[in-house]
Amino acid sequence: MALEIEVSRARCIATKACINAAEGVFALVGGASSVVDATGGTDDEIVAAAEACPTGAITVYRDGERLA
């Protein structure tokens, strides 16, 4: 099953750490990170992007279980 990705725009400080980890998945939109293609990277890249976020603005789930 596909990963579910949530981004808290309120917590995002636009460091681009997520974009560096999973460029095809995330982009800055309106000054904050947004998911532009949830299938644009591997599961490992998406989890790494969430873990790289300095504010914890990204949460990743699979089948309701939190991965990052």
PDB file of N, CA and C in Angstrom:
ATOM      1  N   MET A   1       0.837  -1.187   0.000  1.00  0.00           N
ATOM      2  CA  MET A   1       0.000   0.000   0.000  1.00  0.00           C
ATOM      3  C   MET A   1       0.879   1.246   0.000  1.00  0.00           C
ATOM      4  N   ALA A   2       0.393   2.299  -0.607  1.00  0.00           N
ATOM      5  CA  ALA A   2       1.136   3.556  -0.705  1.00  0.00           C
ATOM      6  C   ALA A   2       1.269   4.226   0.662  1.00  0.00           C
ATOM      7  N   LEU A   3       2.304   4.989   0.792  1.00  0.00           N
ATOM      8  CA  LEU A   3       2.509   5.741   2.022  1.00  0.00           C
ATOM      9  C   LEU A   3       1.557   6.928   2.077  1.00  0.00           C
ATOM     10  N   GLU A   4       1.165   7.281   3.284  1.00  0.00           N
ATOM     11  CA  GLU A   4       0.396   8.501   3.510  1.00  0.00           C
ATOM     12  C   GLU A   4       1.369   9.518   4.092  1.00  0.00           C
ATOM     13  N   ILE A   5       1.406  10.699   3.500  1.00  0.00           N
ATOM     14  CA  ILE A   5       2.358  11.728   3.908  1.00  0.00           C
ATOM     15  C   ILE A   5       1.584  12.965   4.334  1.00  0.00           C
ATOM     16  N   GLU A   6       1.871  13.446   5.539  1.00  0.00           N
ATOM     17  CA  GLU A   6       1.250  14.682   6.025  1.00  0.00           C
ATOM     18  C   GLU A   6       2.349  15.710   6.263  1.00  0.00           C
ATOM     19  N   VAL A   7       2.087  16.938   5.855  1.00  0.00           N
ATOM     20  CA  VAL A   7       3.021  18.032   6.088  1.00  0.00           C
ATOM     21  C   VAL A   7       2.288  19.128   6.858  1.00  0.00           C
ATOM     22  N   SER A   8       2.837  19.490   7.997  1.00  0.00           N
ATOM     23  CA  SER A   8       2.292  20.605   8.771  1.00  0.00           C
ATOM     24  C   SER A   8       2.909  21.891   8.239  1.00  0.00           C
ATOM     25  N   ARG A   9       2.146  22.631   7.470  1.00  0.00           N
ATOM     26  CA  ARG A   9       2.651  23.885   6.905  1.00  0.00           C
ATOM     27  C   ARG A   9       2.989  24.884   8.007  1.00  0.00           C
ATOM     28  N   ALA A  10       2.299  24.783   9.135  1.00  0.00           N
ATOM     29  CA  ALA A  10       2.559  25.691  10.257  1.00  0.00           C
ATOM     30  C   ALA A  10       3.933  25.434  10.879  1.00  0.00           C
ATOM     31  N   ARG A  11       4.406  24.200  10.820  1.00  0.00           N
ATOM     32  CA  ARG A  11       5.695  23.842  11.416  1.00  0.00           C
ATOM     33  C   ARG A  11       6.848  23.960  10.430  1.00  0.00           C
ATOM     34  N   CYS A  12       6.555  23.973   9.143  1.00  0.00           N
ATOM     35  CA  CYS A  12       7.591  23.998   8.109  1.00  0.00           C
ATOM     36  C   CYS A  12       8.332  25.337   8.120  1.00  0.00           C
ATOM     37  N   ILE A  13       9.669  25.263   8.109  1.00  0.00           N
ATOM     38  CA  ILE A  13      10.484  26.481   8.039  1.00  0.00           C
ATOM     39  C   ILE A  13      11.275  26.554   6.727  1.00  0.00           C
ATOM     40  N   ALA A  14      10.891  25.736   5.765  1.00  0.00           N
ATOM     41  CA  ALA A  14      11.413  25.781   4.393  1.00  0.00           C
ATOM     42  C   ALA A  14      12.925  25.596   4.288  1.00  0.00           C
ATOM     43  N   THR A  15      13.471  24.637   5.033  1.00  0.00           N
ATOM     44  CA  THR A  15      14.903  24.363   4.922  1.00  0.00           C
ATOM     45  C   THR A  15      15.248  23.561   3.676  1.00  0.00           C
ATOM     46  N   LYS A  16      14.257  22.972   3.052  1.00  0.00           N
ATOM     47  CA  LYS A  16      14.401  22.135   1.859  1.00  0.00           C
ATOM     48  C   LYS A  16      15.072  20.792   2.144  1.00  0.00           C
ATOM     49  N   ALA A  17      15.173  20.397   3.413  1.00  0.00           N
ATOM     50  CA  ALA A  17      15.756  19.094   3.744  1.00  0.00           C
ATOM     51  C   ALA A  17      14.933  17.980   3.112  1.00  0.00           C
ATOM     52  N   CYS A  18      13.626  18.128   3.087  1.00  0.00           N
ATOM     53  CA  CYS A  18      12.760  17.107   2.494  1.00  0.00           C
ATOM     54  C   CYS A  18      12.964  17.027   0.988  1.00  0.00           C
ATOM     55  N   ILE A  19      13.134  18.163   0.361  1.00  0.00           N
ATOM     56  CA  ILE A  19      13.349  18.193  -1.087  1.00  0.00           C
ATOM     57  C   ILE A  19      14.689  17.549  -1.429  1.00  0.00           C
ATOM     58  N   ASN A  20      15.702  17.803  -0.620  1.00  0.00           N
ATOM     59  CA  ASN A  20      17.008  17.191  -0.852  1.00  0.00           C
ATOM     60  C   ASN A  20      16.946  15.674  -0.711  1.00  0.00           C
ATOM     61  N   ALA A  21      16.095  15.178   0.178  1.00  0.00           N
ATOM     62  CA  ALA A  21      15.996  13.732   0.409  1.00  0.00           C
ATOM     63  C   ALA A  21      15.067  13.046  -0.590  1.00  0.00           C
ATOM     64  N   ALA A  22      14.028  13.743  -1.015  1.00  0.00           N
ATOM     65  CA  ALA A  22      13.036  13.143  -1.923  1.00  0.00           C
ATOM     66  C   ALA A  22      12.518  14.207  -2.885  1.00  0.00           C
ATOM     67  N   GLU A  23      13.365  14.604  -3.795  1.00  0.00           N
ATOM     68  CA  GLU A  23      13.091  15.728  -4.697  1.00  0.00           C
ATOM     69  C   GLU A  23      11.805  15.580  -5.497  1.00  0.00           C
ATOM     70  N   GLY A  24      11.480  14.384  -5.921  1.00  0.00           N
ATOM     71  CA  GLY A  24      10.279  14.194  -6.722  1.00  0.00           C
ATOM     72  C   GLY A  24       8.988  14.197  -5.933  1.00  0.00           C
ATOM     73  N   VAL A  25       9.098  14.159  -4.619  1.00  0.00           N
ATOM     74  CA  VAL A  25       7.915  14.076  -3.753  1.00  0.00           C
ATOM     75  C   VAL A  25       7.497  15.434  -3.219  1.00  0.00           C
ATOM     76  N   PHE A  26       8.473  16.225  -2.793  1.00  0.00           N
ATOM     77  CA  PHE A  26       8.199  17.492  -2.121  1.00  0.00           C
ATOM     78  C   PHE A  26       8.651  18.687  -2.961  1.00  0.00           C
ATOM     79  N   ALA A  27       7.989  19.812  -2.755  1.00  0.00           N
ATOM     80  CA  ALA A  27       8.385  21.079  -3.368  1.00  0.00           C
ATOM     81  C   ALA A  27       7.917  22.201  -2.448  1.00  0.00           C
ATOM     82  N   LEU A  28       8.584  23.333  -2.543  1.00  0.00           N
ATOM     83  CA  LEU A  28       8.126  24.500  -1.792  1.00  0.00           C
ATOM     84  C   LEU A  28       7.007  25.163  -2.566  1.00  0.00           C
ATOM     85  N   VAL A  29       5.887  25.334  -1.914  1.00  0.00           N
ATOM     86  CA  VAL A  29       4.716  25.975  -2.503  1.00  0.00           C
ATOM     87  C   VAL A  29       4.241  27.021  -1.507  1.00  0.00           C
ATOM     88  N   GLY A  30       4.256  28.255  -1.913  1.00  0.00           N
ATOM     89  CA  GLY A  30       3.813  29.315  -1.016  1.00  0.00           C
ATOM     90  C   GLY A  30       4.662  29.442   0.232  1.00  0.00           C
ATOM     91  N   GLY A  31       5.959  29.136   0.115  1.00  0.00           N
ATOM     92  CA  GLY A  31       6.873  29.306   1.235  1.00  0.00           C
ATOM     93  C   GLY A  31       6.927  28.150   2.207  1.00  0.00           C
ATOM     94  N   ALA A  32       6.255  27.050   1.917  1.00  0.00           N
ATOM     95  CA  ALA A  32       6.294  25.870   2.787  1.00  0.00           C
ATOM     96  C   ALA A  32       6.298  24.617   1.928  1.00  0.00           C
ATOM     97  N   SER A  33       6.765  23.532   2.519  1.00  0.00           N
ATOM     98  CA  SER A  33       6.816  22.270   1.798  1.00  0.00           C
ATOM     99  C   SER A  33       5.420  21.715   1.557  1.00  0.00           C
ATOM    100  N   SER A  34       5.266  21.097   0.407  1.00  0.00           N
ATOM    101  CA  SER A  34       4.020  20.423   0.053  1.00  0.00           C
ATOM    102  C   SER A  34       4.366  19.134  -0.677  1.00  0.00           C
ATOM    103  N   VAL A  35       3.488  18.160  -0.570  1.00  0.00           N
ATOM    104  CA  VAL A  35       3.643  16.923  -1.329  1.00  0.00           C
ATOM    105  C   VAL A  35       3.112  17.191  -2.738  1.00  0.00           C
ATOM    106  N   VAL A  36       3.983  17.022  -3.720  1.00  0.00           N
ATOM    107  CA  VAL A  36       3.564  17.241  -5.105  1.00  0.00           C
ATOM    108  C   VAL A  36       3.347  15.929  -5.843  1.00  0.00           C
ATOM    109  N   ASP A  37       3.987  14.851  -5.364  1.00  0.00           N
ATOM    110  CA  ASP A  37       3.794  13.527  -5.965  1.00  0.00           C
ATOM    111  C   ASP A  37       4.196  12.467  -4.945  1.00  0.00           C
ATOM    112  N   ALA A  38       3.213  11.888  -4.280  1.00  0.00           N
ATOM    113  CA  ALA A  38       3.475  10.902  -3.228  1.00  0.00           C
ATOM    114  C   ALA A  38       4.149   9.645  -3.766  1.00  0.00           C
ATOM    115  N   THR A  39       4.134   9.454  -5.067  1.00  0.00           N
ATOM    116  CA  THR A  39       4.789   8.298  -5.669  1.00  0.00           C
ATOM    117  C   THR A  39       6.091   8.690  -6.366  1.00  0.00           C
ATOM    118  N   GLY A  40       6.554   9.906  -6.147  1.00  0.00           N
ATOM    119  CA  GLY A  40       7.730  10.425  -6.837  1.00  0.00           C
ATOM    120  C   GLY A  40       9.062  10.002  -6.256  1.00  0.00           C
ATOM    121  N   GLY A  41       9.048   9.159  -5.229  1.00  0.00           N
ATOM    122  CA  GLY A  41      10.288   8.675  -4.624  1.00  0.00           C
ATOM    123  C   GLY A  41      10.047   7.321  -3.991  1.00  0.00           C
ATOM    124  N   THR A  42      11.120   6.718  -3.544  1.00  0.00           N
ATOM    125  CA  THR A  42      10.987   5.427  -2.880  1.00  0.00           C
ATOM    126  C   THR A  42      10.477   5.632  -1.452  1.00  0.00           C
ATOM    127  N   ASP A  43       9.972   4.564  -0.862  1.00  0.00           N
ATOM    128  CA  ASP A  43       9.533   4.634   0.533  1.00  0.00           C
ATOM    129  C   ASP A  43      10.679   5.079   1.432  1.00  0.00           C
ATOM    130  N   ASP A  44      11.877   4.549   1.181  1.00  0.00           N
ATOM    131  CA  ASP A  44      13.039   4.910   1.995  1.00  0.00           C
ATOM    132  C   ASP A  44      13.375   6.396   1.866  1.00  0.00           C
ATOM    133  N   GLU A  45      13.260   6.947   0.664  1.00  0.00           N
ATOM    134  CA  GLU A  45      13.528   8.374   0.461  1.00  0.00           C
ATOM    135  C   GLU A  45      12.505   9.226   1.204  1.00  0.00           C
ATOM    136  N   ILE A  46      11.253   8.820   1.178  1.00  0.00           N
ATOM    137  CA  ILE A  46      10.196   9.582   1.844  1.00  0.00           C
ATOM    138  C   ILE A  46      10.376   9.557   3.352  1.00  0.00           C
ATOM    139  N   VAL A  47      10.687   8.389   3.895  1.00  0.00           N
ATOM    140  CA  VAL A  47      10.942   8.290   5.340  1.00  0.00           C
ATOM    141  C   VAL A  47      12.169   9.120   5.708  1.00  0.00           C
ATOM    142  N   ALA A  48      13.211   9.057   4.891  1.00  0.00           N
ATOM    143  CA  ALA A  48      14.414   9.856   5.145  1.00  0.00           C
ATOM    144  C   ALA A  48      14.100  11.344   5.127  1.00  0.00           C
ATOM    145  N   ALA A  49      13.231  11.766   4.228  1.00  0.00           N
ATOM    146  CA  ALA A  49      12.836  13.168   4.160  1.00  0.00           C
ATOM    147  C   ALA A  49      12.142  13.595   5.449  1.00  0.00           C
ATOM    148  N   ALA A  50      11.252  12.754   5.944  1.00  0.00           N
ATOM    149  CA  ALA A  50      10.559  13.072   7.197  1.00  0.00           C
ATOM    150  C   ALA A  50      11.546  13.144   8.353  1.00  0.00           C
ATOM    151  N   GLU A  51      12.476  12.215   8.386  1.00  0.00           N
ATOM    152  CA  GLU A  51      13.462  12.185   9.465  1.00  0.00           C
ATOM    153  C   GLU A  51      14.438  13.361   9.375  1.00  0.00           C
ATOM    154  N   ALA A  52      14.657  13.879   8.172  1.00  0.00           N
ATOM    155  CA  ALA A  52      15.581  15.004   7.982  1.00  0.00           C
ATOM    156  C   ALA A  52      14.961  16.343   8.352  1.00  0.00           C
ATOM    157  N   CYS A  53      13.649  16.400   8.438  1.00  0.00           N
ATOM    158  CA  CYS A  53      12.980  17.667   8.727  1.00  0.00           C
ATOM    159  C   CYS A  53      13.334  18.139  10.140  1.00  0.00           C
ATOM    160  N   PRO A  54      13.938  19.321  10.264  1.00  0.00           N
ATOM    161  CA  PRO A  54      14.384  19.777  11.582  1.00  0.00           C
ATOM    162  C   PRO A  54      13.245  20.132  12.543  1.00  0.00           C
ATOM    163  N   THR A  55      12.061  20.357  12.024  1.00  0.00           N
ATOM    164  CA  THR A  55      10.937  20.716  12.901  1.00  0.00           C
ATOM    165  C   THR A  55       9.922  19.594  13.067  1.00  0.00           C
ATOM    166  N   GLY A  56      10.162  18.473  12.406  1.00  0.00           N
ATOM    167  CA  GLY A  56       9.213  17.363  12.489  1.00  0.00           C
ATOM    168  C   GLY A  56       7.893  17.660  11.812  1.00  0.00           C
ATOM    169  N   ALA A  57       7.933  18.477  10.772  1.00  0.00           N
ATOM    170  CA  ALA A  57       6.707  18.887  10.080  1.00  0.00           C
ATOM    171  C   ALA A  57       6.118  17.788   9.201  1.00  0.00           C
ATOM    172  N   ILE A  58       6.903  16.744   8.927  1.00  0.00           N
ATOM    173  CA  ILE A  58       6.451  15.690   8.017  1.00  0.00           C
ATOM    174  C   ILE A  58       6.214  14.410   8.812  1.00  0.00           C
ATOM    175  N   THR A  59       5.044  13.827   8.589  1.00  0.00           N
ATOM    176  CA  THR A  59       4.705  12.554   9.210  1.00  0.00           C
ATOM    177  C   THR A  59       4.355  11.572   8.099  1.00  0.00           C
ATOM    178  N   VAL A  60       4.846  10.343   8.236  1.00  0.00           N
ATOM    179  CA  VAL A  60       4.625   9.321   7.214  1.00  0.00           C
ATOM    180  C   VAL A  60       3.966   8.106   7.868  1.00  0.00           C
ATOM    181  N   TYR A  61       2.920   7.610   7.215  1.00  0.00           N
ATOM    182  CA  TYR A  61       2.189   6.442   7.701  1.00  0.00           C
ATOM    183  C   TYR A  61       2.069   5.398   6.601  1.00  0.00           C
ATOM    184  N   ARG A  62       2.003   4.138   7.009  1.00  0.00           N
ATOM    185  CA  ARG A  62       1.633   3.047   6.103  1.00  0.00           C
ATOM    186  C   ARG A  62       0.590   2.216   6.845  1.00  0.00           C
ATOM    187  N   ASP A  63      -0.572   2.071   6.237  1.00  0.00           N
ATOM    188  CA  ASP A  63      -1.672   1.297   6.830  1.00  0.00           C
ATOM    189  C   ASP A  63      -1.975   1.766   8.255  1.00  0.00           C
ATOM    190  N   GLY A  64      -1.920   3.070   8.488  1.00  0.00           N
ATOM    191  CA  GLY A  64      -2.238   3.635   9.785  1.00  0.00           C
ATOM    192  C   GLY A  64      -1.098   3.587  10.793  1.00  0.00           C
ATOM    193  N   GLU A  65       0.000   2.923  10.457  1.00  0.00           N
ATOM    194  CA  GLU A  65       1.151   2.838  11.354  1.00  0.00           C
ATOM    195  C   GLU A  65       2.146   3.951  11.007  1.00  0.00           C
ATOM    196  N   ARG A  66       2.549   4.690  12.020  1.00  0.00           N
ATOM    197  CA  ARG A  66       3.496   5.787  11.801  1.00  0.00           C
ATOM    198  C   ARG A  66       4.896   5.230  11.572  1.00  0.00           C
ATOM    199  N   LEU A  67       5.496   5.640  10.462  1.00  0.00           N
ATOM    200  CA  LEU A  67       6.856   5.231  10.118  1.00  0.00           C
ATOM    201  C   LEU A  67       7.883   6.301  10.484  1.00  0.00           C
ATOM    202  N   ALA A  68       7.490   7.549  10.417  1.00  0.00           N
ATOM    203  CA  ALA A  68       8.388   8.664  10.716  1.00  0.00           C
ATOM    204  C   ALA A  68       7.582   9.885  11.093  1.00  0.00           C
TER     205      ALA A  68
END
